[in-house]
C-alpha atoms as a PDB file:
ATOM      1  CA  MET A   1      43.128-197.476 179.431  1.00  0.00           C
ATOM      2  CA  ALA A   2      46.824-198.341 179.400  1.00  0.00           C
ATOM      3  CA  ARG A   3      48.094-200.991 177.017  1.00  0.00           C
ATOM      4  CA  ASN A   4      49.595-204.078 178.552  1.00  0.00           C
ATOM      5  CA  ASN A   5      52.966-204.436 176.828  1.00  0.00           C
ATOM      6  CA  TYR A   6      53.757-207.511 178.904  1.00  0.00           C
ATOM      7  CA  LEU A   7      51.598-209.560 176.539  1.00  0.00           C
ATOM      8  CA  ARG A   8      53.328-208.188 173.431  1.00  0.00           C
ATOM      9  CA  GLN A   9      56.275-210.338 172.542  1.00  0.00           C
ATOM     10  CA  LYS A  10      59.350-209.127 170.711  1.00  0.00           C
ATOM     11  CA  PRO A  11      59.644-210.543 167.163  1.00  0.00           C
ATOM     12  CA  LEU A  12      62.155-213.342 166.719  1.00  0.00           C
ATOM     13  CA  THR A  13      65.151-212.369 164.634  1.00  0.00           C
ATOM     14  CA  LEU A  14      65.939-214.129 161.376  1.00  0.00           C
ATOM     15  CA  VAL A  15      68.941-215.783 163.039  1.00  0.00           C
ATOM     16  CA  GLN A  16      66.735-217.090 165.852  1.00  0.00           C
ATOM     17  CA  GLN A  17      64.215-218.418 163.320  1.00  0.00           C
ATOM     18  CA  ARG A  18      67.041-220.139 161.398  1.00  0.00           C
ATOM     19  CA  TYR A  19      68.397-221.686 164.613  1.00  0.00           C
ATOM     20  CA  PHE A  20      64.998-223.103 165.625  1.00  0.00           C
ATOM     21  CA  LEU A  21      64.392-224.405 162.106  1.00  0.00           C
ATOM     22  CA  SER A  22      67.779-226.124 161.963  1.00  0.00           C
ATOM     23  CA  ALA A  23      67.382-227.566 165.460  1.00  0.00           C
ATOM     24  CA  THR A  24      63.910-228.955 164.768  1.00  0.00           C
ATOM     25  CA  PHE A  25      64.129-229.825 161.068  1.00  0.00           C
ATOM     26  CA  SER A  26      67.774-230.633 160.344  1.00  0.00           C
ATOM     27  CA  HIS A  27      66.893-231.742 156.799  1.00  0.00           C
ATOM     28  CA  PHE A  28      65.793-228.164 155.967  1.00  0.00           C
ATOM     29  CA  HIS A  29      68.557-225.972 154.570  1.00  0.00           C
ATOM     30  CA  ALA A  30      68.157-222.451 155.954  1.00  0.00           C
ATOM     31  CA  GLU A  31      70.152-219.320 155.274  1.00  0.00           C
ATOM     32  CA  THR A  32      69.729-215.710 156.255  1.00  0.00           C
ATOM     33  CA  THR A  33      70.614-212.491 154.531  1.00  0.00           C
ATOM     34  CA  LYS A  34      70.426-209.060 156.081  1.00  0.00           C
ATOM     35  CA  ASP A  35      66.650-208.938 155.775  1.00  0.00           C
ATOM     36  CA  GLU A  36      65.385-212.393 154.764  1.00  0.00           C
ATOM     37  CA  LEU A  37      65.345-216.018 155.842  1.00  0.00           C
ATOM     38  CA  ARG A  38      65.165-218.574 153.048  1.00  0.00           C
ATOM     39  CA  CYS A  39      64.856-222.274 153.604  1.00  0.00           C
ATOM     40  CA  VAL A  40      64.166-225.361 151.543  1.00  0.00           C
ATOM     41  CA  GLY A  41      63.315-228.797 152.811  1.00  0.00           C
ATOM     42  CA  THR A  42      61.074-231.795 152.348  1.00  0.00           C
ATOM     43  CA  LEU A  43      57.869-232.801 154.074  1.00  0.00           C
ATOM     44  CA  ARG A  44      55.873-235.992 153.867  1.00  0.00           C
ATOM     45  CA  PRO A  45      52.561-235.350 155.626  1.00  0.00           C
ATOM     46  CA  SER A  46      51.684-239.028 156.038  1.00  0.00           C
ATOM     47  CA  PRO A  47      53.225-242.426 155.239  1.00  0.00           C
ATOM     48  CA  LEU A  48      50.989-242.660 152.148  1.00  0.00           C
ATOM     49  CA  SER A  49      51.766-239.121 150.966  1.00  0.00           C
ATOM     50  CA  ASP A  50      54.153-237.854 148.345  1.00  0.00           C
ATOM     51  CA  THR A  51      57.316-236.176 149.567  1.00  0.00           C
ATOM     52  CA  TYR A  52      57.089-232.450 148.904  1.00  0.00           C
ATOM     53  CA  THR A  53      59.949-230.009 148.536  1.00  0.00           C
ATOM     54  CA  ILE A  54      58.977-226.770 150.254  1.00  0.00           C
ATOM     55  CA  LYS A  55      60.480-223.292 149.972  1.00  0.00           C
ATOM     56  CA  ILE A  56      59.902-220.697 152.701  1.00  0.00           C
ATOM     57  CA  SER A  57      60.871-217.023 152.460  1.00  0.00           C
ATOM     58  CA  TYR A  58      60.429-214.827 155.505  1.00  0.00           C
ATOM     59  CA  LYS A  59      61.013-211.189 156.362  1.00  0.00           C
ATOM     60  CA  VAL A  60      60.345-210.036 159.928  1.00  0.00           C
ATOM     61  CA  ALA A  61      56.946-208.354 160.276  1.00  0.00           C
ATOM     62  CA  TYR A  62      55.629-209.986 157.069  1.00  0.00           C
ATOM     63  CA  ARG A  63      53.934-213.321 156.660  1.00  0.00           C
ATOM     64  CA  PRO A  64      56.140-216.249 155.680  1.00  0.00           C
ATOM     65  CA  GLU A  65      55.762-217.011 151.977  1.00  0.00           C
ATOM     66  CA  VAL A  66      55.489-220.734 151.337  1.00  0.00           C
ATOM     67  CA  HIS A  67      55.648-222.529 147.993  1.00  0.00           C
ATOM     68  CA  VAL A  68      55.667-226.177 147.001  1.00  0.00           C
ATOM     69  CA  VAL A  69      58.647-226.589 144.659  1.00  0.00           C
ATOM     70  CA  SER A  70      57.965-230.210 143.754  1.00  0.00           C
ATOM     71  CA  PRO A  71      56.023-232.154 142.841  1.00  0.00           C
ATOM     72  CA  GLU A  72      53.984-229.589 140.937  1.00  0.00           C
ATOM     73  CA  LEU A  73      50.607-229.060 142.581  1.00  0.00           C
ATOM     74  CA  ARG A  74      47.815-230.486 140.419  1.00  0.00           C
ATOM     75  CA  LEU A  75      44.149-229.669 140.131  1.00  0.00           C
ATOM     76  CA  ALA A  76      41.428-231.980 141.343  1.00  0.00           C
ATOM     77  CA  PRO A  77      39.150-233.286 138.575  1.00  0.00           C
ATOM     78  CA  GLY A  78      36.663-230.621 137.541  1.00  0.00           C
ATOM     79  CA  CYS A  79      38.468-227.809 139.405  1.00  0.00           C
ATOM     80  CA  VAL A  80      39.951-224.777 137.695  1.00  0.00           C
ATOM     81  CA  ARG A  81      42.238-223.500 140.462  1.00  0.00           C
ATOM     82  CA  LEU A  82      43.987-224.632 143.607  1.00  0.00           C
ATOM     83  CA  PRO A  83      42.171-223.984 146.876  1.00  0.00           C
ATOM     84  CA  HIS A  84      43.604-221.781 149.588  1.00  0.00           C
ATOM     85  CA  VAL A  85      46.521-220.285 147.722  1.00  0.00           C
ATOM     86  CA  PHE A  86      47.550-216.706 147.082  1.00  0.00           C
ATOM     87  CA  ALA A  87      48.789-215.477 143.699  1.00  0.00           C
ATOM     88  CA  GLY A  88      51.630-217.597 142.361  1.00  0.00           C
ATOM     89  CA  ASN A  89      50.367-220.641 144.301  1.00  0.00           C
ATOM     90  CA  GLU A  90      51.736-219.323 147.603  1.00  0.00           C
ATOM     91  CA  LEU A  91      50.089-221.477 150.271  1.00  0.00           C
ATOM     92  CA  CYS A  92      47.433-219.915 152.494  1.00  0.00           C
ATOM     93  CA  LEU A  93      48.105-221.639 155.799  1.00  0.00           C
ATOM     94  CA  TYR A  94      46.189-219.769 158.487  1.00  0.00           C
ATOM     95  CA  LEU A  95      43.552-217.171 159.173  1.00  0.00           C
ATOM     96  CA  ALA A  96      44.516-213.501 159.221  1.00  0.00           C
ATOM     97  CA  GLY A  97      45.974-212.660 162.632  1.00  0.00           C
ATOM     98  CA  GLU A  98      46.944-216.227 163.578  1.00  0.00           C
ATOM     99  CA  TRP A  99      50.622-215.680 162.712  1.00  0.00           C
ATOM    100  CA  ARG A 100      52.783-213.263 164.702  1.00  0.00           C
ATOM    101  CA  PRO A 101      56.504-212.520 164.275  1.00  0.00           C
ATOM    102  CA  ASP A 102      57.203-213.763 167.817  1.00  0.00           C
ATOM    103  CA  MET A 103      56.124-217.276 166.780  1.00  0.00           C
ATOM    104  CA  ARG A 104      58.601-219.903 165.608  1.00  0.00           C
ATOM    105  CA  ILE A 105      58.345-220.964 161.984  1.00  0.00           C
ATOM    106  CA  SER A 106      59.455-224.421 163.097  1.00  0.00           C
ATOM    107  CA  ASP A 107      56.606-224.749 165.606  1.00  0.00           C
ATOM    108  CA  PHE A 108      53.781-223.243 163.559  1.00  0.00           C
ATOM    109  CA  ILE A 109      54.454-222.725 159.849  1.00  0.00           C
ATOM    110  CA  ILE A 110      56.020-226.148 159.177  1.00  0.00           C
ATOM    111  CA  PRO A 111      53.173-228.058 160.896  1.00  0.00           C
ATOM    112  CA  TRP A 112      50.629-225.849 159.118  1.00  0.00           C
ATOM    113  CA  ILE A 113      52.308-226.669 155.787  1.00  0.00           C
ATOM    114  CA  SER A 114      52.048-230.367 156.541  1.00  0.00           C
ATOM    115  CA  LEU A 115      48.386-229.978 157.461  1.00  0.00           C
ATOM    116  CA  TRP A 116      47.712-227.945 154.288  1.00  0.00           C
ATOM    117  CA  LEU A 117      49.316-230.733 152.242  1.00  0.00           C
ATOM    118  CA  ARG A 118      47.072-233.353 153.901  1.00  0.00           C
ATOM    119  CA  PHE A 119      43.990-231.307 153.022  1.00  0.00           C
ATOM    120  CA  TYR A 120      45.360-230.794 149.510  1.00  0.00           C
ATOM    121  CA  GLU A 121      45.768-234.554 149.000  1.00  0.00           C
ATOM    122  CA  PHE A 122      42.228-235.158 150.247  1.00  0.00           C
ATOM    123  CA  TRP A 123      41.000-232.382 147.909  1.00  0.00           C
ATOM    124  CA  LEU A 124      42.822-234.047 144.980  1.00  0.00           C
ATOM    125  CA  ALA A 125      40.941-237.270 145.650  1.00  0.00           C
ATOM    126  CA  THR A 126      37.513-235.780 146.398  1.00  0.00           C
ATOM    127  CA  GLY A 127      37.379-232.245 144.993  1.00  0.00           C
ATOM    128  CA  SER A 128      36.251-231.048 148.435  1.00  0.00           C
ATOM    129  CA  TRP A 129      38.461-228.785 150.600  1.00  0.00           C
ATOM    130  CA  GLU A 130      37.985-229.900 154.212  1.00  0.00           C
ATOM    131  CA  GLY A 131      40.566-227.538 155.718  1.00  0.00           C
ATOM    132  CA  GLY A 132      38.133-224.771 156.568  1.00  0.00           C
ATOM    133  CA  GLY A 133      39.371-221.203 156.684  1.00  0.00           C
ATOM    134  CA  THR A 134      38.545-218.217 154.519  1.00  0.00           C
ATOM    135  CA  HIS A 135      39.434-217.677 150.911  1.00  0.00           C
ATOM    136  CA  PRO A 136      42.848-216.030 150.405  1.00  0.00           C
ATOM    137  CA  ASP A 137      41.278-213.342 148.207  1.00  0.00           C
ATOM    138  CA  ALA A 138      39.421-211.994 151.259  1.00  0.00           C
ATOM    139  CA  PRO A 139      40.570-208.464 152.209  1.00  0.00           C
ATOM    140  CA  GLN A 140      41.873-209.521 155.632  1.00  0.00           C
ATOM    141  CA  HIS A 141      44.554-211.664 153.926  1.00  0.00           C
ATOM    142  CA  GLN A 142      45.915-208.865 151.778  1.00  0.00           C
ATOM    143  CA  ALA A 143      47.858-207.025 154.506  1.00  0.00           C
ATOM    144  CA  ARG A 144      51.465-208.119 154.339  1.00  0.00           C
END
């Protein structure tokens, strides 16, 4: 059976990703190098939330790497590690296969960060992660 290439979208370039980020989130500072997009900005998931400084690093064909720069992520009482993070506290934002390089970081990754932060704040208060998903140590998350 022939593959339908019409459904396969071309990956967005780093410059396109930077443009969409700057157009949608003007308070994020984004810069591109030859092979990487780096951006830093703040998010406040709700009016009662802290304001978080976020750092995103992205190379085309790899998953965006997202870290909370400040405030430092804390552990909920009785917990020994943060939920839904990769090594180095890189946020685990989506299920394997949900992100594609033709998707805009501004339309998907930033909202997913905000949602992750809401679940994190609820987890801090209750010790229960209500965000669903699979654990980042699962084999399907390891492909970069």
